[in-house]
C-alpha atoms as a PDB file:
ATOM      1  CA  MET A   1      33.050  82.930  86.344  1.00  0.00           C
ATOM      2  CA  MET A   2      32.147  84.497  83.054  1.00  0.00           C
ATOM      3  CA  ASP A   3      30.792  87.955  82.334  1.00  0.00           C
ATOM      4  CA  VAL A   4      29.533  88.350  85.917  1.00  0.00           C
ATOM      5  CA  ALA A   5      27.754  91.459  87.121  1.00  0.00           C
ATOM      6  CA  CYS A   6      26.929  92.311  90.716  1.00  0.00           C
ATOM      7  CA  LEU A   7      24.051  94.597  91.632  1.00  0.00           C
ATOM      8  CA  ARG A   8      23.639  95.542  95.314  1.00  0.00           C
ATOM      9  CA  GLY A   9      21.170  98.051  96.710  1.00  0.00           C
ATOM     10  CA  GLY A  10      20.224  99.186  93.217  1.00  0.00           C
ATOM     11  CA  ARG A  11      23.865 100.008  92.414  1.00  0.00           C
ATOM     12  CA  MET A  12      25.989  98.131  89.875  1.00  0.00           C
ATOM     13  CA  LEU A  13      29.219  97.255  91.694  1.00  0.00           C
ATOM     14  CA  PHE A  14      30.920  95.590  88.748  1.00  0.00           C
ATOM     15  CA  GLU A  15      30.028  93.955  85.457  1.00  0.00           C
ATOM     16  CA  GLY A  16      31.690  91.902  82.747  1.00  0.00           C
ATOM     17  CA  LEU A  17      33.979  90.208  85.274  1.00  0.00           C
ATOM     18  CA  ASP A  18      35.769  87.071  84.098  1.00  0.00           C
ATOM     19  CA  LEU A  19      37.806  85.090  86.608  1.00  0.00           C
ATOM     20  CA  THR A  20      39.235  81.592  86.587  1.00  0.00           C
ATOM     21  CA  LEU A  21      41.192  80.067  89.459  1.00  0.00           C
ATOM     22  CA  HIS A  22      43.298  76.997  88.826  1.00  0.00           C
ATOM     23  CA  PRO A  23      44.635  74.522  91.387  1.00  0.00           C
ATOM     24  CA  GLY A  24      47.604  76.064  93.176  1.00  0.00           C
ATOM     25  CA  GLU A  25      46.524  79.617  92.366  1.00  0.00           C
ATOM     26  CA  ALA A  26      45.719  82.513  94.682  1.00  0.00           C
ATOM     27  CA  VAL A  27      43.880  85.708  93.709  1.00  0.00           C
ATOM     28  CA  HIS A  28      43.922  88.838  95.880  1.00  0.00           C
ATOM     29  CA  VAL A  29      40.908  91.097  95.259  1.00  0.00           C
ATOM     30  CA  THR A  30      41.575  94.759  96.019  1.00  0.00           C
ATOM     31  CA  GLY A  31      39.557  97.947  95.772  1.00  0.00           C
ATOM     32  CA  ALA A  32      38.027 100.794  97.691  1.00  0.00           C
ATOM     33  CA  ASN A  33      35.338 100.322 100.323  1.00  0.00           C
ATOM     34  CA  GLY A  34      32.076  99.535  98.569  1.00  0.00           C
ATOM     35  CA  SER A  35      33.734  98.402  95.327  1.00  0.00           C
ATOM     36  CA  GLY A  36      32.319  94.879  95.635  1.00  0.00           C
ATOM     37  CA  LYS A  37      35.169  92.827  97.117  1.00  0.00           C
ATOM     38  CA  SER A  38      33.008  91.142  99.762  1.00  0.00           C
ATOM     39  CA  SER A  39      30.121  90.839  97.319  1.00  0.00           C
ATOM     40  CA  LEU A  40      32.405  88.989  94.902  1.00  0.00           C
ATOM     41  CA  ILE A  41      33.373  86.553  97.663  1.00  0.00           C
ATOM     42  CA  ARG A  42      29.685  86.048  98.498  1.00  0.00           C
ATOM     43  CA  LEU A  43      28.841  85.489  94.804  1.00  0.00           C
ATOM     44  CA  VAL A  44      31.500  82.803  94.497  1.00  0.00           C
ATOM     45  CA  ALA A  45      30.284  81.207  97.750  1.00  0.00           C
ATOM     46  CA  GLY A  46      26.765  81.022  96.319  1.00  0.00           C
ATOM     47  CA  LEU A  47      25.318  83.373  98.940  1.00  0.00           C
ATOM     48  CA  LEU A  48      24.406  85.965  96.303  1.00  0.00           C
ATOM     49  CA  ALA A  49      23.121  85.512  92.784  1.00  0.00           C
ATOM     50  CA  PRO A  50      24.868  87.383  89.979  1.00  0.00           C
ATOM     51  CA  ALA A  51      22.871  90.061  88.169  1.00  0.00           C
ATOM     52  CA  ALA A  52      24.342  88.654  84.949  1.00  0.00           C
ATOM     53  CA  GLY A  53      26.795  85.982  83.898  1.00  0.00           C
ATOM     54  CA  SER A  54      27.545  82.571  85.326  1.00  0.00           C
ATOM     55  CA  ILE A  55      29.660  81.122  88.103  1.00  0.00           C
ATOM     56  CA  ASP A  56      31.000  77.565  88.185  1.00  0.00           C
ATOM     57  CA  ARG A  57      32.909  76.765  91.335  1.00  0.00           C
ATOM     58  CA  ALA A  58      34.476  73.947  93.247  1.00  0.00           C
ATOM     59  CA  ASP A  59      33.359  73.116  96.764  1.00  0.00           C
ATOM     60  CA  CYS A  60      34.452  76.021  98.912  1.00  0.00           C
ATOM     61  CA  ALA A  61      34.982  77.072 102.508  1.00  0.00           C
ATOM     62  CA  LEU A  62      34.236  80.662 103.515  1.00  0.00           C
ATOM     63  CA  ALA A  63      35.788  82.826 106.215  1.00  0.00           C
ATOM     64  CA  ASP A  64      34.000  86.170 106.396  1.00  0.00           C
ATOM     65  CA  GLU A  65      32.859  88.478 109.194  1.00  0.00           C
ATOM     66  CA  LYS A  66      30.470  85.843 110.566  1.00  0.00           C
ATOM     67  CA  LEU A  67      32.038  83.542 113.134  1.00  0.00           C
ATOM     68  CA  ALA A  68      29.700  80.594 112.366  1.00  0.00           C
ATOM     69  CA  LEU A  69      30.599  78.924 115.674  1.00  0.00           C
ATOM     70  CA  ASP A  70      28.337  78.367 118.687  1.00  0.00           C
ATOM     71  CA  ARG A  71      29.525  80.892 121.277  1.00  0.00           C
ATOM     72  CA  GLU A  72      28.456  78.708 124.219  1.00  0.00           C
ATOM     73  CA  LEU A  73      30.496  75.650 123.219  1.00  0.00           C
ATOM     74  CA  SER A  74      34.213  75.083 123.601  1.00  0.00           C
ATOM     75  CA  LEU A  75      36.134  75.986 120.460  1.00  0.00           C
ATOM     76  CA  ASP A  76      36.800  72.330 119.660  1.00  0.00           C
ATOM     77  CA  ARG A  77      33.128  71.324 120.118  1.00  0.00           C
ATOM     78  CA  ALA A  78      31.961  74.305 118.073  1.00  0.00           C
ATOM     79  CA  LEU A  79      34.322  73.341 115.234  1.00  0.00           C
ATOM     80  CA  ALA A  80      32.972  69.770 115.451  1.00  0.00           C
ATOM     81  CA  PHE A  81      29.728  71.066 113.919  1.00  0.00           C
ATOM     82  CA  TRP A  82      31.709  71.679 110.710  1.00  0.00           C
ATOM     83  CA  ILE A  83      34.516  69.141 110.958  1.00  0.00           C
ATOM     84  CA  ASP A  84      33.864  65.596 112.251  1.00  0.00           C
ATOM     85  CA  ASP A  85      37.467  64.413 112.384  1.00  0.00           C
ATOM     86  CA  PRO A  86      39.114  65.338 115.737  1.00  0.00           C
ATOM     87  CA  ALA A  87      42.602  65.043 114.219  1.00  0.00           C
ATOM     88  CA  ARG A  88      41.774  67.525 111.444  1.00  0.00           C
ATOM     89  CA  ARG A  89      40.275  69.940 113.998  1.00  0.00           C
ATOM     90  CA  SER A  90      43.329  69.664 116.204  1.00  0.00           C
ATOM     91  CA  SER A  91      45.690  70.119 113.269  1.00  0.00           C
ATOM     92  CA  ALA A  92      43.797  73.200 112.037  1.00  0.00           C
ATOM     93  CA  LEU A  93      43.736  74.735 115.508  1.00  0.00           C
ATOM     94  CA  ALA A  94      47.487  74.162 115.813  1.00  0.00           C
ATOM     95  CA  ALA A  95      48.064  75.592 112.329  1.00  0.00           C
ATOM     96  CA  MET A  96      46.375  78.807 113.445  1.00  0.00           C
ATOM     97  CA  GLY A  97      48.096  78.871 116.851  1.00  0.00           C
ATOM     98  CA  LEU A  98      44.956  78.014 118.801  1.00  0.00           C
ATOM     99  CA  GLU A  99      45.895  75.295 121.268  1.00  0.00           C
ATOM    100  CA  ILE A 100      42.900  76.472 123.328  1.00  0.00           C
ATOM    101  CA  GLY A 101      40.272  74.047 122.097  1.00  0.00           C
ATOM    102  CA  GLN A 102      38.530  73.763 125.483  1.00  0.00           C
ATOM    103  CA  VAL A 103      37.977  77.516 125.889  1.00  0.00           C
ATOM    104  CA  PRO A 104      34.377  78.641 125.234  1.00  0.00           C
ATOM    105  CA  VAL A 105      34.058  80.542 121.964  1.00  0.00           C
ATOM    106  CA  ARG A 106      32.473  83.500 123.779  1.00  0.00           C
ATOM    107  CA  LEU A 107      35.742  84.081 125.671  1.00  0.00           C
ATOM    108  CA  LEU A 108      37.943  84.355 122.590  1.00  0.00           C
ATOM    109  CA  SER A 109      39.634  87.666 121.830  1.00  0.00           C
ATOM    110  CA  THR A 110      39.108  89.403 118.489  1.00  0.00           C
ATOM    111  CA  GLY A 111      42.280  87.892 117.064  1.00  0.00           C
ATOM    112  CA  GLN A 112      41.440  84.434 118.397  1.00  0.00           C
ATOM    113  CA  ARG A 113      37.967  84.613 116.827  1.00  0.00           C
ATOM    114  CA  GLN A 114      39.544  85.525 113.482  1.00  0.00           C
ATOM    115  CA  ARG A 115      41.996  82.627 113.771  1.00  0.00           C
ATOM    116  CA  ALA A 116      39.062  80.321 114.667  1.00  0.00           C
ATOM    117  CA  ARG A 117      37.254  81.406 111.475  1.00  0.00           C
ATOM    118  CA  LEU A 118      40.386  80.625 109.518  1.00  0.00           C
ATOM    119  CA  ALA A 119      40.923  77.303 111.321  1.00  0.00           C
ATOM    120  CA  ARG A 120      37.414  76.266 110.230  1.00  0.00           C
ATOM    121  CA  VAL A 121      38.498  76.840 106.613  1.00  0.00           C
ATOM    122  CA  VAL A 122      41.900  75.186 107.093  1.00  0.00           C
ATOM    123  CA  ALA A 123      40.208  72.070 108.538  1.00  0.00           C
ATOM    124  CA  SER A 124      37.797  71.790 105.624  1.00  0.00           C
ATOM    125  CA  ASP A 125      38.355  69.517 102.646  1.00  0.00           C
ATOM    126  CA  ALA A 126      37.307  72.334 100.331  1.00  0.00           C
ATOM    127  CA  PRO A 127      39.581  72.852  97.349  1.00  0.00           C
ATOM    128  CA  LEU A 128      38.603  76.543  97.198  1.00  0.00           C
ATOM    129  CA  TRP A 129      39.108  78.870 100.149  1.00  0.00           C
ATOM    130  CA  LEU A 130      37.199  82.162 100.158  1.00  0.00           C
ATOM    131  CA  LEU A 131      38.711  84.648 102.586  1.00  0.00           C
ATOM    132  CA  ASP A 132      37.080  88.022 103.184  1.00  0.00           C
ATOM    133  CA  GLU A 133      39.454  90.422 104.978  1.00  0.00           C
ATOM    134  CA  PRO A 134      41.393  87.507 106.488  1.00  0.00           C
ATOM    135  CA  LEU A 135      44.045  89.706 108.117  1.00  0.00           C
ATOM    136  CA  ASN A 136      41.596  91.746 110.221  1.00  0.00           C
ATOM    137  CA  GLY A 137      42.435  91.423 113.910  1.00  0.00           C
ATOM    138  CA  LEU A 138      45.546  89.293 113.340  1.00  0.00           C
ATOM    139  CA  ASP A 139      48.881  90.056 114.966  1.00  0.00           C
ATOM    140  CA  GLN A 140      52.178  89.554 113.123  1.00  0.00           C
ATOM    141  CA  ASP A 141      52.562  85.942 114.282  1.00  0.00           C
ATOM    142  CA  ALA A 142      49.029  85.018 113.210  1.00  0.00           C
ATOM    143  CA  VAL A 143      49.593  86.620 109.791  1.00  0.00           C
ATOM    144  CA  GLY A 144      52.605  84.326 109.402  1.00  0.00           C
ATOM    145  CA  LEU A 145      50.487  81.304 110.381  1.00  0.00           C
ATOM    146  CA  LEU A 146      47.866  82.226 107.773  1.00  0.00           C
ATOM    147  CA  ASP A 147      50.566  82.692 105.130  1.00  0.00           C
ATOM    148  CA  THR A 148      51.882  79.207 105.898  1.00  0.00           C
ATOM    149  CA  ALA A 149      48.384  77.667 105.803  1.00  0.00           C
ATOM    150  CA  VAL A 150      47.647  79.318 102.442  1.00  0.00           C
ATOM    151  CA  ARG A 151      50.985  78.192 101.000  1.00  0.00           C
ATOM    152  CA  ASN A 152      50.324  74.588 102.165  1.00  0.00           C
ATOM    153  CA  HIS A 153      46.824  74.666 100.652  1.00  0.00           C
ATOM    154  CA  LEU A 154      48.163  75.925  97.329  1.00  0.00           C
ATOM    155  CA  ASP A 155      51.017  73.378  97.352  1.00  0.00           C
ATOM    156  CA  ASN A 156      48.385  70.645  97.798  1.00  0.00           C
ATOM    157  CA  GLY A 157      46.414  71.768  94.746  1.00  0.00           C
ATOM    158  CA  GLY A 158      43.942  74.086  96.449  1.00  0.00           C
ATOM    159  CA  ALA A 159      43.006  77.597  95.333  1.00  0.00           C
ATOM    160  CA  VAL A 160      42.345  80.772  97.315  1.00  0.00           C
ATOM    161  CA  LEU A 161      40.288  83.863  96.563  1.00  0.00           C
ATOM    162  CA  ALA A 162      40.903  86.572  99.156  1.00  0.00           C
ATOM    163  CA  ALA A 163      39.556  90.103  99.451  1.00  0.00           C
ATOM    164  CA  SER A 164      41.702  92.419 101.537  1.00  0.00           C
ATOM    165  CA  HIS A 165      42.649  96.059 101.918  1.00  0.00           C
ATOM    166  CA  VAL A 166      46.179  95.120 102.888  1.00  0.00           C
ATOM    167  CA  PRO A 167      48.852  93.266 100.916  1.00  0.00           C
ATOM    168  CA  MET A 168      48.950  89.506 101.235  1.00  0.00           C
ATOM    169  CA  ALA A 169      52.309  87.727 101.506  1.00  0.00           C
ATOM    170  CA  GLY A 170      53.210  85.215  98.847  1.00  0.00           C
ATOM    171  CA  ASP A 171      52.531  84.890  95.153  1.00  0.00           C
ATOM    172  CA  TRP A 172      49.057  86.325  94.543  1.00  0.00           C
ATOM    173  CA  ARG A 173      47.508  87.357  91.256  1.00  0.00           C
ATOM    174  CA  SER A 174      45.835  90.731  91.772  1.00  0.00           C
ATOM    175  CA  LEU A 175      42.287  91.606  90.756  1.00  0.00           C
ATOM    176  CA  ALA A 176      41.290  95.241  91.274  1.00  0.00           C
ATOM    177  CA  LEU A 177      37.587  96.114  91.523  1.00  0.00           C
END
């Protein structure tokens, strides 16, 4: 992205932002509430248009506050909407400690829903992962599972852009808004 500005609700959140992510690189976006962390993630995902500047991005997978899974289906069937390959779904569920694929999505706890969001991203073929507050609702074990999934993605040439109020484990370049 080059010289990007973000205007939300008539308020300029940031401007003149330049950011490049390379394969194997992770960027941790930090800042106060309302500084534009989530808006930056949404800009990169293509869900918002920049007020100025340009954004070129690879195919991406987004995990934000929206579950994006049918609550009435089993977790595995709900993930099938996004990921056709049963082996990839199963592997992603295992990577996030969710060997509960037959449980209806509506019965998942807060932490399980967050891990399901992340499993959807892990199962994707997207080279760029966009994670908005990925640690919300996760216990210590689940944080470790996410750290491992991110490290594997980076080791395989992927990139990650994450916005979070809390420190992320691993080697992250920091971007303060």
